[in-house]
Amino acid sequence: MMITRSLLTVFAGVLLVGALIAVTVMWIEAKKEVMYLCGNFSPGVTKKSVFRQLDTANLLTYDTRFTANGSTTIARSPLHLDGLHCRIYFTKDERVAHAQMMLK
């Protein structure tokens, strides 16, 4: 009985460490994804190209808001509790005006 309890404790510890490592790796990859993609969006890039690139991301979400001067797309990482995001500003002719990384 004592051996079984010890094995369960060891197993639970290994499982916890494994889960912590997995979450840490995903957190780092999500940050790299947002930073890399945001760096790709230079002025003049088409909205279609931006969305095509954002659709390749596995660890971020994005949404678009329309404004009087064009639109703004915000790509964010839910793993960072939306604290890390990229704002992409588009002109009326659907080209990137500028993109910037933001930390809340």
PDB file of N, CA and C in Angstrom:
ATOM      1  N   MET A   1       0.815  -1.192   0.000  1.00  0.00           N
ATOM      2  CA  MET A   1       0.000   0.000   0.000  1.00  0.00           C
ATOM      3  C   MET A   1       0.863   1.262   0.000  1.00  0.00           C
ATOM      4  N   MET A   2       1.935   1.258   0.771  1.00  0.00           N
ATOM      5  CA  MET A   2       2.819   2.406   0.854  1.00  0.00           C
ATOM      6  C   MET A   2       3.550   2.632  -0.471  1.00  0.00           C
ATOM      7  N   ILE A   3       3.936   1.555  -1.141  1.00  0.00           N
ATOM      8  CA  ILE A   3       4.627   1.670  -2.426  1.00  0.00           C
ATOM      9  C   ILE A   3       3.682   2.264  -3.467  1.00  0.00           C
ATOM     10  N   THR A   4       2.453   1.853  -3.471  1.00  0.00           N
ATOM     11  CA  THR A   4       1.474   2.364  -4.423  1.00  0.00           C
ATOM     12  C   THR A   4       1.269   3.867  -4.238  1.00  0.00           C
ATOM     13  N   ARG A   5       1.187   4.306  -3.003  1.00  0.00           N
ATOM     14  CA  ARG A   5       1.008   5.729  -2.723  1.00  0.00           C
ATOM     15  C   ARG A   5       2.240   6.513  -3.175  1.00  0.00           C
ATOM     16  N   SER A   6       3.422   5.969  -2.969  1.00  0.00           N
ATOM     17  CA  SER A   6       4.656   6.626  -3.403  1.00  0.00           C
ATOM     18  C   SER A   6       4.711   6.720  -4.921  1.00  0.00           C
ATOM     19  N   LEU A   7       4.328   5.636  -5.591  1.00  0.00           N
ATOM     20  CA  LEU A   7       4.325   5.646  -7.054  1.00  0.00           C
ATOM     21  C   LEU A   7       3.330   6.666  -7.599  1.00  0.00           C
ATOM     22  N   LEU A   8       2.180   6.761  -6.968  1.00  0.00           N
ATOM     23  CA  LEU A   8       1.189   7.746  -7.403  1.00  0.00           C
ATOM     24  C   LEU A   8       1.701   9.170  -7.208  1.00  0.00           C
ATOM     25  N   THR A   9       2.400   9.405  -6.114  1.00  0.00           N
ATOM     26  CA  THR A   9       2.967  10.725  -5.853  1.00  0.00           C
ATOM     27  C   THR A   9       4.021  11.072  -6.893  1.00  0.00           C
ATOM     28  N   VAL A  10       4.895  10.122  -7.198  1.00  0.00           N
ATOM     29  CA  VAL A  10       5.929  10.341  -8.216  1.00  0.00           C
ATOM     30  C   VAL A  10       5.277  10.578  -9.576  1.00  0.00           C
ATOM     31  N   PHE A  11       4.291   9.764  -9.923  1.00  0.00           N
ATOM     32  CA  PHE A  11       3.601   9.901 -11.199  1.00  0.00           C
ATOM     33  C   PHE A  11       2.924  11.267 -11.314  1.00  0.00           C
ATOM     34  N   ALA A  12       2.268  11.698 -10.246  1.00  0.00           N
ATOM     35  CA  ALA A  12       1.610  13.006 -10.251  1.00  0.00           C
ATOM     36  C   ALA A  12       2.634  14.129 -10.403  1.00  0.00           C
ATOM     37  N   GLY A  13       3.773  13.994  -9.752  1.00  0.00           N
ATOM     38  CA  GLY A  13       4.829  14.996  -9.865  1.00  0.00           C
ATOM     39  C   GLY A  13       5.386  15.081 -11.273  1.00  0.00           C
ATOM     40  N   VAL A  14       5.639  13.919 -11.877  1.00  0.00           N
ATOM     41  CA  VAL A  14       6.155  13.883 -13.252  1.00  0.00           C
ATOM     42  C   VAL A  14       5.127  14.483 -14.209  1.00  0.00           C
ATOM     43  N   LEU A  15       3.867  14.153 -14.006  1.00  0.00           N
ATOM     44  CA  LEU A  15       2.799  14.687 -14.845  1.00  0.00           C
ATOM     45  C   LEU A  15       2.702  16.207 -14.717  1.00  0.00           C
ATOM     46  N   LEU A  16       2.827  16.711 -13.513  1.00  0.00           N
ATOM     47  CA  LEU A  16       2.772  18.149 -13.275  1.00  0.00           C
ATOM     48  C   LEU A  16       3.945  18.873 -13.937  1.00  0.00           C
ATOM     49  N   VAL A  17       5.141  18.328 -13.802  1.00  0.00           N
ATOM     50  CA  VAL A  17       6.323  18.934 -14.427  1.00  0.00           C
ATOM     51  C   VAL A  17       6.179  18.910 -15.948  1.00  0.00           C
ATOM     52  N   GLY A  18       5.693  17.800 -16.494  1.00  0.00           N
ATOM     53  CA  GLY A  18       5.485  17.700 -17.942  1.00  0.00           C
ATOM     54  C   GLY A  18       4.485  18.730 -18.444  1.00  0.00           C
ATOM     55  N   ALA A  19       3.403  18.908 -17.703  1.00  0.00           N
ATOM     56  CA  ALA A  19       2.393  19.900 -18.091  1.00  0.00           C
ATOM     57  C   ALA A  19       2.969  21.311 -18.025  1.00  0.00           C
ATOM     58  N   LEU A  20       3.762  21.592 -17.007  1.00  0.00           N
ATOM     59  CA  LEU A  20       4.387  22.906 -16.873  1.00  0.00           C
ATOM     60  C   LEU A  20       5.338  23.179 -18.034  1.00  0.00           C
ATOM     61  N   ILE A  21       6.112  22.190 -18.423  1.00  0.00           N
ATOM     62  CA  ILE A  21       7.027  22.341 -19.557  1.00  0.00           C
ATOM     63  C   ILE A  21       6.239  22.597 -20.839  1.00  0.00           C
ATOM     64  N   ALA A  22       5.162  21.843 -21.054  1.00  0.00           N
ATOM     65  CA  ALA A  22       4.348  22.011 -22.264  1.00  0.00           C
ATOM     66  C   ALA A  22       3.738  23.411 -22.337  1.00  0.00           C
ATOM     67  N   VAL A  23       3.203  23.896 -21.229  1.00  0.00           N
ATOM     68  CA  VAL A  23       2.598  25.233 -21.208  1.00  0.00           C
ATOM     69  C   VAL A  23       3.661  26.300 -21.447  1.00  0.00           C
ATOM     70  N   THR A  24       4.836  26.130 -20.865  1.00  0.00           N
ATOM     71  CA  THR A  24       5.920  27.094 -21.053  1.00  0.00           C
ATOM     72  C   THR A  24       6.350  27.158 -22.509  1.00  0.00           C
ATOM     73  N   VAL A  25       6.503  26.002 -23.143  1.00  0.00           N
ATOM     74  CA  VAL A  25       6.899  25.961 -24.554  1.00  0.00           C
ATOM     75  C   VAL A  25       5.831  26.636 -25.419  1.00  0.00           C
ATOM     76  N   MET A  26       4.567  26.347 -25.160  1.00  0.00           N
ATOM     77  CA  MET A  26       3.492  26.972 -25.937  1.00  0.00           C
ATOM     78  C   MET A  26       3.460  28.482 -25.715  1.00  0.00           C
ATOM     79  N   TRP A  27       3.710  28.934 -24.495  1.00  0.00           N
ATOM     80  CA  TRP A  27       3.723  30.358 -24.188  1.00  0.00           C
ATOM     81  C   TRP A  27       4.821  31.070 -24.976  1.00  0.00           C
ATOM     82  N   ILE A  28       6.008  30.461 -25.010  1.00  0.00           N
ATOM     83  CA  ILE A  28       7.138  31.038 -25.753  1.00  0.00           C
ATOM     84  C   ILE A  28       6.836  31.062 -27.246  1.00  0.00           C
ATOM     85  N   GLU A  29       6.292  29.968 -27.777  1.00  0.00           N
ATOM     86  CA  GLU A  29       5.976  29.896 -29.204  1.00  0.00           C
ATOM     87  C   GLU A  29       4.893  30.899 -29.588  1.00  0.00           C
ATOM     88  N   ALA A  30       3.917  31.097 -28.732  1.00  0.00           N
ATOM     89  CA  ALA A  30       2.861  32.077 -29.015  1.00  0.00           C
ATOM     90  C   ALA A  30       3.449  33.483 -29.095  1.00  0.00           C
ATOM     91  N   LYS A  31       4.364  33.792 -28.201  1.00  0.00           N
ATOM     92  CA  LYS A  31       5.018  35.103 -28.216  1.00  0.00           C
ATOM     93  C   LYS A  31       5.816  35.282 -29.500  1.00  0.00           C
ATOM     94  N   LYS A  32       6.566  34.252 -29.885  1.00  0.00           N
ATOM     95  CA  LYS A  32       7.359  34.325 -31.112  1.00  0.00           C
ATOM     96  C   LYS A  32       6.466  34.491 -32.339  1.00  0.00           C
ATOM     97  N   GLU A  33       5.310  33.819 -32.334  1.00  0.00           N
ATOM     98  CA  GLU A  33       4.383  33.907 -33.456  1.00  0.00           C
ATOM     99  C   GLU A  33       3.883  35.340 -33.644  1.00  0.00           C
ATOM    100  N   VAL A  34       3.444  35.959 -32.570  1.00  0.00           N
ATOM    101  CA  VAL A  34       2.939  37.330 -32.654  1.00  0.00           C
ATOM    102  C   VAL A  34       4.050  38.275 -33.095  1.00  0.00           C
ATOM    103  N   MET A  35       5.226  38.156 -32.500  1.00  0.00           N
ATOM    104  CA  MET A  35       6.332  39.053 -32.820  1.00  0.00           C
ATOM    105  C   MET A  35       6.797  38.877 -34.265  1.00  0.00           C
ATOM    106  N   TYR A  36       6.917  37.638 -34.707  1.00  0.00           N
ATOM    107  CA  TYR A  36       7.379  37.375 -36.073  1.00  0.00           C
ATOM    108  C   TYR A  36       6.381  37.911 -37.093  1.00  0.00           C
ATOM    109  N   LEU A  37       5.105  37.565 -36.904  1.00  0.00           N
ATOM    110  CA  LEU A  37       4.103  37.999 -37.872  1.00  0.00           C
ATOM    111  C   LEU A  37       3.964  39.514 -37.891  1.00  0.00           C
ATOM    112  N   CYS A  38       3.998  40.143 -36.749  1.00  0.00           N
ATOM    113  CA  CYS A  38       3.870  41.599 -36.702  1.00  0.00           C
ATOM    114  C   CYS A  38       5.020  42.272 -37.457  1.00  0.00           C
ATOM    115  N   GLY A  39       6.188  41.678 -37.389  1.00  0.00           N
ATOM    116  CA  GLY A  39       7.339  42.206 -38.110  1.00  0.00           C
ATOM    117  C   GLY A  39       7.224  42.070 -39.617  1.00  0.00           C
ATOM    118  N   ASN A  40       6.364  41.180 -40.094  1.00  0.00           N
ATOM    119  CA  ASN A  40       6.176  40.974 -41.535  1.00  0.00           C
ATOM    120  C   ASN A  40       5.291  42.027 -42.180  1.00  0.00           C
ATOM    121  N   PHE A  41       4.526  42.745 -41.394  1.00  0.00           N
ATOM    122  CA  PHE A  41       3.507  43.627 -41.947  1.00  0.00           C
ATOM    123  C   PHE A  41       4.048  45.038 -42.131  1.00  0.00           C
ATOM    124  N   SER A  42       4.753  45.231 -43.212  1.00  0.00           N
ATOM    125  CA  SER A  42       5.309  46.546 -43.509  1.00  0.00           C
ATOM    126  C   SER A  42       4.317  47.345 -44.358  1.00  0.00           C
ATOM    127  N   PRO A  43       4.453  48.659 -44.388  1.00  0.00           N
ATOM    128  CA  PRO A  43       3.529  49.489 -45.161  1.00  0.00           C
ATOM    129  C   PRO A  43       3.455  49.051 -46.626  1.00  0.00           C
ATOM    130  N   GLY A  44       2.219  49.007 -47.133  1.00  0.00           N
ATOM    131  CA  GLY A  44       1.996  48.640 -48.526  1.00  0.00           C
ATOM    132  C   GLY A  44       1.564  47.204 -48.740  1.00  0.00           C
ATOM    133  N   VAL A  45       1.740  46.344 -47.737  1.00  0.00           N
ATOM    134  CA  VAL A  45       1.332  44.942 -47.857  1.00  0.00           C
ATOM    135  C   VAL A  45      -0.196  44.890 -47.908  1.00  0.00           C
ATOM    136  N   THR A  46      -0.733  44.036 -48.770  1.00  0.00           N
ATOM    137  CA  THR A  46      -2.188  43.970 -48.921  1.00  0.00           C
ATOM    138  C   THR A  46      -2.843  43.280 -47.731  1.00  0.00           C
ATOM    139  N   LYS A  47      -4.104  43.623 -47.527  1.00  0.00           N
ATOM    140  CA  LYS A  47      -4.882  43.028 -46.447  1.00  0.00           C
ATOM    141  C   LYS A  47      -5.018  41.519 -46.662  1.00  0.00           C
ATOM    142  N   LYS A  48      -5.174  41.117 -47.905  1.00  0.00           N
ATOM    143  CA  LYS A  48      -5.292  39.694 -48.230  1.00  0.00           C
ATOM    144  C   LYS A  48      -4.034  38.937 -47.799  1.00  0.00           C
ATOM    145  N   SER A  49      -2.869  39.520 -48.053  1.00  0.00           N
ATOM    146  CA  SER A  49      -1.606  38.893 -47.654  1.00  0.00           C
ATOM    147  C   SER A  49      -1.489  38.807 -46.133  1.00  0.00           C
ATOM    148  N   VAL A  50      -1.908  39.856 -45.444  1.00  0.00           N
ATOM    149  CA  VAL A  50      -1.865  39.862 -43.979  1.00  0.00           C
ATOM    150  C   VAL A  50      -2.738  38.743 -43.429  1.00  0.00           C
ATOM    151  N   PHE A  51      -3.974  38.636 -43.933  1.00  0.00           N
ATOM    152  CA  PHE A  51      -4.882  37.600 -43.439  1.00  0.00           C
ATOM    153  C   PHE A  51      -4.382  36.205 -43.784  1.00  0.00           C
ATOM    154  N   ARG A  52      -3.769  36.067 -44.951  1.00  0.00           N
ATOM    155  CA  ARG A  52      -3.210  34.761 -45.322  1.00  0.00           C
ATOM    156  C   ARG A  52      -2.113  34.359 -44.328  1.00  0.00           C
ATOM    157  N   GLN A  53      -1.279  35.313 -43.943  1.00  0.00           N
ATOM    158  CA  GLN A  53      -0.223  35.022 -42.970  1.00  0.00           C
ATOM    159  C   GLN A  53      -0.800  34.757 -41.580  1.00  0.00           C
ATOM    160  N   LEU A  54      -1.783  35.547 -41.174  1.00  0.00           N
ATOM    161  CA  LEU A  54      -2.392  35.342 -39.858  1.00  0.00           C
ATOM    162  C   LEU A  54      -3.093  33.991 -39.774  1.00  0.00           C
ATOM    163  N   ASP A  55      -3.638  33.526 -40.889  1.00  0.00           N
ATOM    164  CA  ASP A  55      -4.322  32.228 -40.898  1.00  0.00           C
ATOM    165  C   ASP A  55      -3.361  31.055 -40.717  1.00  0.00           C
ATOM    166  N   THR A  56      -2.057  31.282 -40.905  1.00  0.00           N
ATOM    167  CA  THR A  56      -1.080  30.205 -40.690  1.00  0.00           C
ATOM    168  C   THR A  56      -0.728  30.040 -39.216  1.00  0.00           C
ATOM    169  N   ALA A  57      -1.080  31.007 -38.405  1.00  0.00           N
ATOM    170  CA  ALA A  57      -0.727  30.973 -36.979  1.00  0.00           C
ATOM    171  C   ALA A  57      -1.592  29.958 -36.234  1.00  0.00           C
ATOM    172  N   ASN A  58      -0.971  29.250 -35.315  1.00  0.00           N
ATOM    173  CA  ASN A  58      -1.672  28.243 -34.522  1.00  0.00           C
ATOM    174  C   ASN A  58      -2.072  28.734 -33.140  1.00  0.00           C
ATOM    175  N   LEU A  59      -1.355  29.720 -32.622  1.00  0.00           N
ATOM    176  CA  LEU A  59      -1.534  30.109 -31.225  1.00  0.00           C
ATOM    177  C   LEU A  59      -2.027  31.539 -31.044  1.00  0.00           C
ATOM    178  N   LEU A  60      -2.634  32.120 -32.082  1.00  0.00           N
ATOM    179  CA  LEU A  60      -3.175  33.459 -31.917  1.00  0.00           C
ATOM    180  C   LEU A  60      -4.523  33.590 -32.611  1.00  0.00           C
ATOM    181  N   THR A  61      -5.242  34.612 -32.210  1.00  0.00           N
ATOM    182  CA  THR A  61      -6.534  34.928 -32.815  1.00  0.00           C
ATOM    183  C   THR A  61      -6.475  36.372 -33.301  1.00  0.00           C
ATOM    184  N   TYR A  62      -7.386  36.722 -34.184  1.00  0.00           N
ATOM    185  CA  TYR A  62      -7.424  38.105 -34.643  1.00  0.00           C
ATOM    186  C   TYR A  62      -8.848  38.519 -34.968  1.00  0.00           C
ATOM    187  N   ASP A  63      -9.074  39.822 -34.886  1.00  0.00           N
ATOM    188  CA  ASP A  63     -10.358  40.378 -35.290  1.00  0.00           C
ATOM    189  C   ASP A  63     -10.119  41.749 -35.905  1.00  0.00           C
ATOM    190  N   THR A  64     -11.066  42.174 -36.726  1.00  0.00           N
ATOM    191  CA  THR A  64     -10.938  43.421 -37.472  1.00  0.00           C
ATOM    192  C   THR A  64     -12.045  44.385 -37.077  1.00  0.00           C
ATOM    193  N   ARG A  65     -11.659  45.638 -36.934  1.00  0.00           N
ATOM    194  CA  ARG A  65     -12.621  46.708 -36.665  1.00  0.00           C
ATOM    195  C   ARG A  65     -12.489  47.743 -37.775  1.00  0.00           C
ATOM    196  N   PHE A  66     -13.613  48.195 -38.263  1.00  0.00           N
ATOM    197  CA  PHE A  66     -13.609  49.166 -39.349  1.00  0.00           C
ATOM    198  C   PHE A  66     -13.706  50.579 -38.786  1.00  0.00           C
ATOM    199  N   THR A  67     -12.925  51.480 -39.390  1.00  0.00           N
ATOM    200  CA  THR A  67     -12.886  52.873 -38.957  1.00  0.00           C
ATOM    201  C   THR A  67     -13.162  53.773 -40.155  1.00  0.00           C
ATOM    202  N   ALA A  68     -13.216  55.063 -39.923  1.00  0.00           N
ATOM    203  CA  ALA A  68     -13.464  56.017 -41.006  1.00  0.00           C
ATOM    204  C   ALA A  68     -12.305  56.055 -42.002  1.00  0.00           C
ATOM    205  N   ASN A  69     -11.098  55.785 -41.522  1.00  0.00           N
ATOM    206  CA  ASN A  69      -9.919  55.866 -42.388  1.00  0.00           C
ATOM    207  C   ASN A  69      -9.479  54.528 -42.956  1.00  0.00           C
ATOM    208  N   GLY A  70     -10.194  53.469 -42.685  1.00  0.00           N
ATOM    209  CA  GLY A  70      -9.802  52.139 -43.154  1.00  0.00           C
ATOM    210  C   GLY A  70     -10.261  51.091 -42.167  1.00  0.00           C
ATOM    211  N   SER A  71      -9.309  50.324 -41.640  1.00  0.00           N
ATOM    212  CA  SER A  71      -9.649  49.320 -40.633  1.00  0.00           C
ATOM    213  C   SER A  71      -8.422  49.000 -39.793  1.00  0.00           C
ATOM    214  N   THR A  72      -8.677  48.349 -38.681  1.00  0.00           N
ATOM    215  CA  THR A  72      -7.607  47.921 -37.779  1.00  0.00           C
ATOM    216  C   THR A  72      -7.832  46.461 -37.443  1.00  0.00           C
ATOM    217  N   THR A  73      -6.787  45.673 -37.584  1.00  0.00           N
ATOM    218  CA  THR A  73      -6.843  44.267 -37.201  1.00  0.00           C
ATOM    219  C   THR A  73      -5.937  44.082 -35.998  1.00  0.00           C
ATOM    220  N   ILE A  74      -6.448  43.385 -35.004  1.00  0.00           N
ATOM    221  CA  ILE A  74      -5.667  43.114 -33.800  1.00  0.00           C
ATOM    222  C   ILE A  74      -5.449  41.615 -33.704  1.00  0.00           C
ATOM    223  N   ALA A  75      -4.181  41.211 -33.764  1.00  0.00           N
ATOM    224  CA  ALA A  75      -3.806  39.804 -33.600  1.00  0.00           C
ATOM    225  C   ALA A  75      -3.286  39.649 -32.183  1.00  0.00           C
ATOM    226  N   ARG A  76      -3.851  38.693 -31.444  1.00  0.00           N
ATOM    227  CA  ARG A  76      -3.468  38.556 -30.039  1.00  0.00           C
ATOM    228  C   ARG A  76      -3.255  37.099 -29.668  1.00  0.00           C
ATOM    229  N   SER A  77      -2.520  36.931 -28.608  1.00  0.00           N
ATOM    230  CA  SER A  77      -2.239  35.602 -28.082  1.00  0.00           C
ATOM    231  C   SER A  77      -3.067  35.364 -26.826  1.00  0.00           C
ATOM    232  N   PRO A  78      -4.042  34.456 -26.885  1.00  0.00           N
ATOM    233  CA  PRO A  78      -4.819  34.151 -25.683  1.00  0.00           C
ATOM    234  C   PRO A  78      -3.956  33.583 -24.549  1.00  0.00           C
ATOM    235  N   LEU A  79      -2.842  32.943 -24.900  1.00  0.00           N
ATOM    236  CA  LEU A  79      -1.959  32.391 -23.870  1.00  0.00           C
ATOM    237  C   LEU A  79      -1.300  33.484 -23.032  1.00  0.00           C
ATOM    238  N   HIS A  80      -1.233  34.688 -23.564  1.00  0.00           N
ATOM    239  CA  HIS A  80      -0.670  35.818 -22.825  1.00  0.00           C
ATOM    240  C   HIS A  80      -1.775  36.671 -22.224  1.00  0.00           C
ATOM    241  N   LEU A  81      -2.961  36.079 -22.094  1.00  0.00           N
ATOM    242  CA  LEU A  81      -4.126  36.763 -21.531  1.00  0.00           C
ATOM    243  C   LEU A  81      -4.404  38.069 -22.268  1.00  0.00           C
ATOM    244  N   ASP A  82      -4.190  38.038 -23.569  1.00  0.00           N
ATOM    245  CA  ASP A  82      -4.399  39.177 -24.467  1.00  0.00           C
ATOM    246  C   ASP A  82      -3.521  40.373 -24.119  1.00  0.00           C
ATOM    247  N   GLY A  83      -2.485  40.162 -23.341  1.00  0.00           N
ATOM    248  CA  GLY A  83      -1.579  41.244 -22.984  1.00  0.00           C
ATOM    249  C   GLY A  83      -0.577  41.550 -24.078  1.00  0.00           C
ATOM    250  N   LEU A  84      -0.332  40.609 -24.958  1.00  0.00           N
ATOM    251  CA  LEU A  84       0.606  40.781 -26.061  1.00  0.00           C
ATOM    252  C   LEU A  84      -0.198  40.748 -27.344  1.00  0.00           C
ATOM    253  N   HIS A  85      -0.146  41.823 -28.108  1.00  0.00           N
ATOM    254  CA  HIS A  85      -0.868  41.816 -29.371  1.00  0.00           C
ATOM    255  C   HIS A  85      -0.216  42.735 -30.393  1.00  0.00           C
ATOM    256  N   CYS A  86      -0.622  42.533 -31.634  1.00  0.00           N
ATOM    257  CA  CYS A  86      -0.123  43.321 -32.754  1.00  0.00           C
ATOM    258  C   CYS A  86      -1.305  44.056 -33.372  1.00  0.00           C
ATOM    259  N   ARG A  87      -1.187  45.352 -33.506  1.00  0.00           N
ATOM    260  CA  ARG A  87      -2.228  46.148 -34.171  1.00  0.00           C
ATOM    261  C   ARG A  87      -1.747  46.471 -35.574  1.00  0.00           C
ATOM    262  N   ILE A  88      -2.583  46.131 -36.541  1.00  0.00           N
ATOM    263  CA  ILE A  88      -2.256  46.384 -37.938  1.00  0.00           C
ATOM    264  C   ILE A  88      -3.283  47.387 -38.462  1.00  0.00           C
ATOM    265  N   TYR A  89      -2.802  48.527 -38.884  1.00  0.00           N
ATOM    266  CA  TYR A  89      -3.674  49.587 -39.387  1.00  0.00           C
ATOM    267  C   TYR A  89      -3.669  49.555 -40.911  1.00  0.00           C
ATOM    268  N   PHE A  90      -4.869  49.536 -41.497  1.00  0.00           N
ATOM    269  CA  PHE A  90      -5.009  49.498 -42.949  1.00  0.00           C
ATOM    270  C   PHE A  90      -5.582  50.815 -43.458  1.00  0.00           C
ATOM    271  N   THR A  91      -5.171  51.176 -44.666  1.00  0.00           N
ATOM    272  CA  THR A  91      -5.735  52.343 -45.338  1.00  0.00           C
ATOM    273  C   THR A  91      -7.064  51.953 -45.977  1.00  0.00           C
ATOM    274  N   LYS A  92      -7.746  52.929 -46.568  1.00  0.00           N
ATOM    275  CA  LYS A  92      -9.018  52.646 -47.229  1.00  0.00           C
ATOM    276  C   LYS A  92      -8.856  51.701 -48.415  1.00  0.00           C
ATOM    277  N   ASP A  93      -7.685  51.718 -49.056  1.00  0.00           N
ATOM    278  CA  ASP A  93      -7.472  50.820 -50.198  1.00  0.00           C
ATOM    279  C   ASP A  93      -6.923  49.452 -49.767  1.00  0.00           C
ATOM    280  N   GLU A  94      -7.104  49.119 -48.485  1.00  0.00           N
ATOM    281  CA  GLU A  94      -6.774  47.805 -47.917  1.00  0.00           C
ATOM    282  C   GLU A  94      -5.292  47.433 -48.026  1.00  0.00           C
ATOM    283  N   ARG A  95      -4.458  48.390 -47.700  1.00  0.00           N
ATOM    284  CA  ARG A  95      -3.017  48.154 -47.609  1.00  0.00           C
ATOM    285  C   ARG A  95      -2.556  48.576 -46.211  1.00  0.00           C
ATOM    286  N   VAL A  96      -1.507  47.927 -45.740  1.00  0.00           N
ATOM    287  CA  VAL A  96      -0.996  48.229 -44.399  1.00  0.00           C
ATOM    288  C   VAL A  96      -0.470  49.659 -44.351  1.00  0.00           C
ATOM    289  N   ALA A  97      -0.947  50.433 -43.395  1.00  0.00           N
ATOM    290  CA  ALA A  97      -0.398  51.762 -43.128  1.00  0.00           C
ATOM    291  C   ALA A  97       0.791  51.602 -42.181  1.00  0.00           C
ATOM    292  N   HIS A  98       0.576  50.863 -41.092  1.00  0.00           N
ATOM    293  CA  HIS A  98       1.660  50.474 -40.187  1.00  0.00           C
ATOM    294  C   HIS A  98       1.155  49.407 -39.220  1.00  0.00           C
ATOM    295  N   ALA A  99       2.101  48.716 -38.616  1.00  0.00           N
ATOM    296  CA  ALA A  99       1.780  47.680 -37.627  1.00  0.00           C
ATOM    297  C   ALA A  99       2.668  47.908 -36.413  1.00  0.00           C
ATOM    298  N   GLN A 100       2.116  47.649 -35.241  1.00  0.00           N
ATOM    299  CA  GLN A 100       2.921  47.839 -34.035  1.00  0.00           C
ATOM    300  C   GLN A 100       2.592  46.783 -32.985  1.00  0.00           C
ATOM    301  N   MET A 101       3.640  46.359 -32.283  1.00  0.00           N
ATOM    302  CA  MET A 101       3.494  45.434 -31.159  1.00  0.00           C
ATOM    303  C   MET A 101       3.045  46.233 -29.952  1.00  0.00           C
ATOM    304  N   MET A 102       2.167  45.635 -29.173  1.00  0.00           N
ATOM    305  CA  MET A 102       1.665  46.311 -27.983  1.00  0.00           C
ATOM    306  C   MET A 102       1.688  45.345 -26.805  1.00  0.00           C
ATOM    307  N   LEU A 103       2.055  45.858 -25.660  1.00  0.00           N
ATOM    308  CA  LEU A 103       1.965  45.127 -24.397  1.00  0.00           C
ATOM    309  C   LEU A 103       1.033  45.900 -23.488  1.00  0.00           C
ATOM    310  N   LYS A 104       0.103  45.204 -22.868  1.00  0.00           N
ATOM    311  CA  LYS A 104      -0.808  45.881 -21.939  1.00  0.00           C
ATOM    312  C   LYS A 104      -0.128  46.084 -20.616  1.00  0.00           C
TER     313      LYS A 104
END
